[in-house]
Amino acid sequence: MNRRHFIATGIKAAAGLALCQAVPAWAGKGSRTLSFYHTHTKESLDITYARTGFYEPQALERVNYYLRDFRTEDIHTIDPGVLDILWRIQQEMGCNGTYEVISGYRSPKTNQALRSKSHGVAKRSMHMDGKAIDIRLTGQNTQKIRDCAIALKSGGVGYYAKSDFVHVDTGRIRTW
């Protein structure tokens, strides 16, 4: 086997593993479905992103597009852990409402533009890595969503009372 063939085979194997990526053990083997409404694009998405213990690659691709930077149309891979946090919030709160998306992926250009207008935007925002989302959940109080997300201890949780939304990300556990 020559070097190029070896490398190509390794890349194909890694891609295959990514397509069959197992969900976290705590999630069980059932299906996980989420509903979204994007407050800026007015687009809706109802999606089953995991089944029988594995993420659905085509569903994740649709999520990547849906949560694109709507200002630049840039698309980025969204960490499925973000979806798992949203799904767990619904499970803990005993609801299955629609997530209102305020912000998903943000390109560095968009993040810088937002930073120039507000000191509340992080220079190295996790939105730029596809690891964060800003949301509301229909029929639910955002303070309760925040409290639930904090109790999950799955990453960062920010609460923006004035704008009435919650930020969740898959980074280290922290709150603001």
Protein backbone atom coordinates (compact mmCIF):
# COMPACT_ATOMS: atom_id res chain seq x y z
CA MET A 1 0.00 0.00 0.00
CA ASN A 2 1.53 3.32 -1.02
CA ARG A 3 1.45 6.39 1.20
CA ARG A 4 -1.34 8.17 -0.72
CA HIS A 5 -3.57 5.10 -0.63
CA PHE A 6 -2.90 4.70 3.10
CA ILE A 7 -3.81 8.34 3.81
CA ALA A 8 -6.92 8.18 1.60
CA THR A 9 -8.05 5.01 3.37
CA GLY A 10 -7.52 6.66 6.76
CA ILE A 11 -9.56 9.70 5.74
CA LYS A 12 -12.40 7.50 4.46
CA ALA A 13 -12.38 5.47 7.68
CA ALA A 14 -12.50 8.64 9.79
CA ALA A 15 -15.39 9.97 7.69
CA GLY A 16 -17.22 6.67 8.15
CA LEU A 17 -16.78 6.87 11.90
CA ALA A 18 -18.12 10.42 11.89
CA LEU A 19 -21.21 9.27 9.99
CA CYS A 20 -21.87 6.59 12.59
CA GLN A 21 -21.09 8.74 15.59
CA ALA A 22 -22.81 7.38 18.66
CA VAL A 23 -24.79 9.65 20.90
CA PRO A 24 -23.73 10.03 24.54
CA ALA A 25 -24.57 7.04 26.74
CA TRP A 26 -26.94 9.10 28.94
CA ALA A 27 -29.14 9.80 25.92
CA GLY A 28 -30.43 6.26 25.51
CA LYS A 29 -31.34 4.59 22.24
CA GLY A 30 -34.58 6.35 21.31
CA SER A 31 -35.20 9.04 18.73
CA ARG A 32 -34.52 12.70 19.48
CA THR A 33 -36.54 15.34 17.69
CA LEU A 34 -36.42 19.14 17.97
CA SER A 35 -38.52 21.92 16.47
CA PHE A 36 -37.07 25.32 15.62
CA TYR A 37 -38.27 28.72 14.45
CA HIS A 38 -35.59 31.23 13.45
CA THR A 39 -36.55 34.72 14.57
CA HIS A 40 -34.47 36.42 11.83
CA THR A 41 -35.02 34.23 8.77
CA LYS A 42 -38.59 33.19 9.72
CA GLU A 43 -37.64 29.61 8.73
CA SER A 44 -38.91 26.59 10.63
CA LEU A 45 -37.30 23.18 11.06
CA ASP A 46 -38.71 20.03 12.64
CA ILE A 47 -35.99 17.41 12.74
CA THR A 48 -35.16 14.03 14.21
CA TYR A 49 -31.41 14.35 14.58
CA ALA A 50 -30.70 11.02 16.33
CA ARG A 51 -32.17 7.51 16.20
CA THR A 52 -31.31 4.22 17.87
CA GLY A 53 -28.24 5.61 19.58
CA PHE A 54 -26.66 7.33 16.56
CA TYR A 55 -26.74 10.81 15.09
CA GLU A 56 -28.41 11.10 11.68
CA PRO A 57 -25.77 12.58 9.30
CA GLN A 58 -28.32 14.03 6.85
CA ALA A 59 -30.26 15.62 9.69
CA LEU A 60 -27.07 17.17 11.08
CA GLU A 61 -26.33 18.61 7.62
CA ARG A 62 -29.79 20.19 7.57
CA VAL A 63 -29.16 21.64 11.04
CA ASN A 64 -25.82 23.07 9.85
CA TYR A 65 -27.62 24.88 7.05
CA TYR A 66 -30.53 25.97 9.22
CA LEU A 67 -28.25 27.46 11.91
CA ARG A 68 -26.02 29.17 9.32
CA ASP A 69 -24.88 32.76 9.74
CA PHE A 70 -27.92 34.39 8.18
CA ARG A 71 -26.03 37.65 7.69
CA THR A 72 -23.26 36.16 5.51
CA GLU A 73 -24.89 32.82 4.53
CA ASP A 74 -21.75 31.04 5.83
CA ILE A 75 -22.42 27.46 6.96
CA HIS A 76 -20.46 25.72 9.72
CA THR A 77 -20.68 22.35 11.42
CA ILE A 78 -22.84 22.56 14.53
CA ASP A 79 -21.69 20.51 17.50
CA PRO A 80 -24.41 17.85 18.04
CA GLY A 81 -23.83 18.39 21.76
CA VAL A 82 -25.69 21.69 21.39
CA LEU A 83 -28.72 19.78 20.12
CA ASP A 84 -28.38 17.31 22.98
CA ILE A 85 -28.48 20.17 25.50
CA LEU A 86 -31.66 21.52 23.91
CA TRP A 87 -33.22 18.06 23.88
CA ARG A 88 -32.28 17.50 27.54
CA ILE A 89 -33.78 20.86 28.53
CA GLN A 90 -37.08 19.77 27.02
CA GLN A 91 -36.91 16.40 28.77
CA GLU A 92 -36.20 18.00 32.13
CA MET A 93 -38.88 20.66 31.70
CA GLY A 94 -41.44 18.13 30.45
CA CYS A 95 -42.25 20.07 27.30
CA ASN A 96 -41.77 19.72 23.57
CA GLY A 97 -42.25 23.28 22.37
CA THR A 98 -40.50 25.04 19.53
CA TYR A 99 -37.09 26.59 20.07
CA GLU A 100 -36.97 30.18 18.86
CA VAL A 101 -33.45 30.69 17.51
CA ILE A 102 -31.92 34.11 17.94
CA SER A 103 -28.39 33.11 16.95
CA GLY A 104 -26.70 29.88 15.86
CA TYR A 105 -23.41 29.90 13.97
CA ARG A 106 -21.70 33.29 13.59
CA SER A 107 -18.87 33.91 11.17
CA PRO A 108 -15.86 35.82 12.52
CA LYS A 109 -16.95 38.77 10.33
CA THR A 110 -20.43 38.83 11.88
CA ASN A 111 -19.07 38.34 15.39
CA GLN A 112 -16.73 41.31 14.96
CA ALA A 113 -19.55 43.48 13.61
CA LEU A 114 -21.74 42.57 16.60
CA ARG A 115 -18.82 43.21 19.01
CA SER A 116 -18.40 46.71 17.60
CA LYS A 117 -22.02 47.46 18.56
CA SER A 118 -22.20 45.66 21.92
CA HIS A 119 -19.77 44.87 24.70
CA GLY A 120 -21.84 41.73 25.46
CA VAL A 121 -20.39 39.80 22.49
CA ALA A 122 -17.32 37.69 23.27
CA LYS A 123 -14.22 38.11 21.12
CA ARG A 124 -13.81 34.31 20.86
CA SER A 125 -17.52 33.49 20.90
CA MET A 126 -18.39 29.81 20.86
CA HIS A 127 -20.92 30.71 18.16
CA MET A 128 -17.95 30.98 15.77
CA ASP A 129 -17.11 27.31 16.44
CA GLY A 130 -20.68 26.05 16.02
CA LYS A 131 -20.80 25.23 19.74
CA ALA A 132 -23.41 27.74 20.94
CA ILE A 133 -26.98 28.81 20.37
CA ASP A 134 -29.18 31.61 21.71
CA ILE A 135 -32.77 30.53 22.22
CA ARG A 136 -36.19 30.89 23.76
CA LEU A 137 -38.65 28.01 24.12
CA THR A 138 -42.31 28.64 23.31
CA GLY A 139 -44.53 28.66 26.37
CA GLN A 140 -41.58 28.61 28.79
CA ASN A 141 -40.12 31.31 30.99
CA THR A 142 -36.52 32.06 30.00
CA GLN A 143 -35.44 32.18 33.67
CA LYS A 144 -36.67 28.59 34.05
CA ILE A 145 -34.86 27.57 30.87
CA ARG A 146 -31.69 29.15 32.26
CA ASP A 147 -32.09 27.35 35.59
CA CYS A 148 -32.67 24.04 33.84
CA ALA A 149 -29.64 24.51 31.59
CA ILE A 150 -27.45 25.36 34.60
CA ALA A 151 -28.65 22.24 36.44
CA LEU A 152 -27.63 20.07 33.47
CA LYS A 153 -23.99 21.10 33.92
CA SER A 154 -23.37 20.53 30.21
CA GLY A 155 -21.56 23.75 29.32
CA GLY A 156 -21.89 27.50 29.47
CA VAL A 157 -25.19 29.22 30.17
CA GLY A 158 -25.83 32.92 29.71
CA TYR A 159 -29.04 34.71 30.57
CA TYR A 160 -30.02 37.91 28.78
CA ALA A 161 -33.07 39.16 30.67
CA LYS A 162 -33.47 42.41 28.70
CA SER A 163 -33.53 40.56 25.38
CA ASP A 164 -35.35 37.57 26.90
CA PHE A 165 -33.14 34.74 25.67
CA VAL A 166 -30.77 32.09 26.97
CA HIS A 167 -27.36 31.20 25.55
CA VAL A 168 -26.19 27.58 25.87
CA ASP A 169 -22.91 26.15 24.66
CA THR A 170 -20.79 23.01 24.91
CA GLY A 171 -17.81 24.76 26.43
CA ARG A 172 -16.66 24.59 30.01
CA ILE A 173 -19.29 24.95 32.73
CA ARG A 174 -19.81 28.62 33.56
CA THR A 175 -22.66 31.12 33.91
CA TRP A 176 -23.25 34.80 33.34
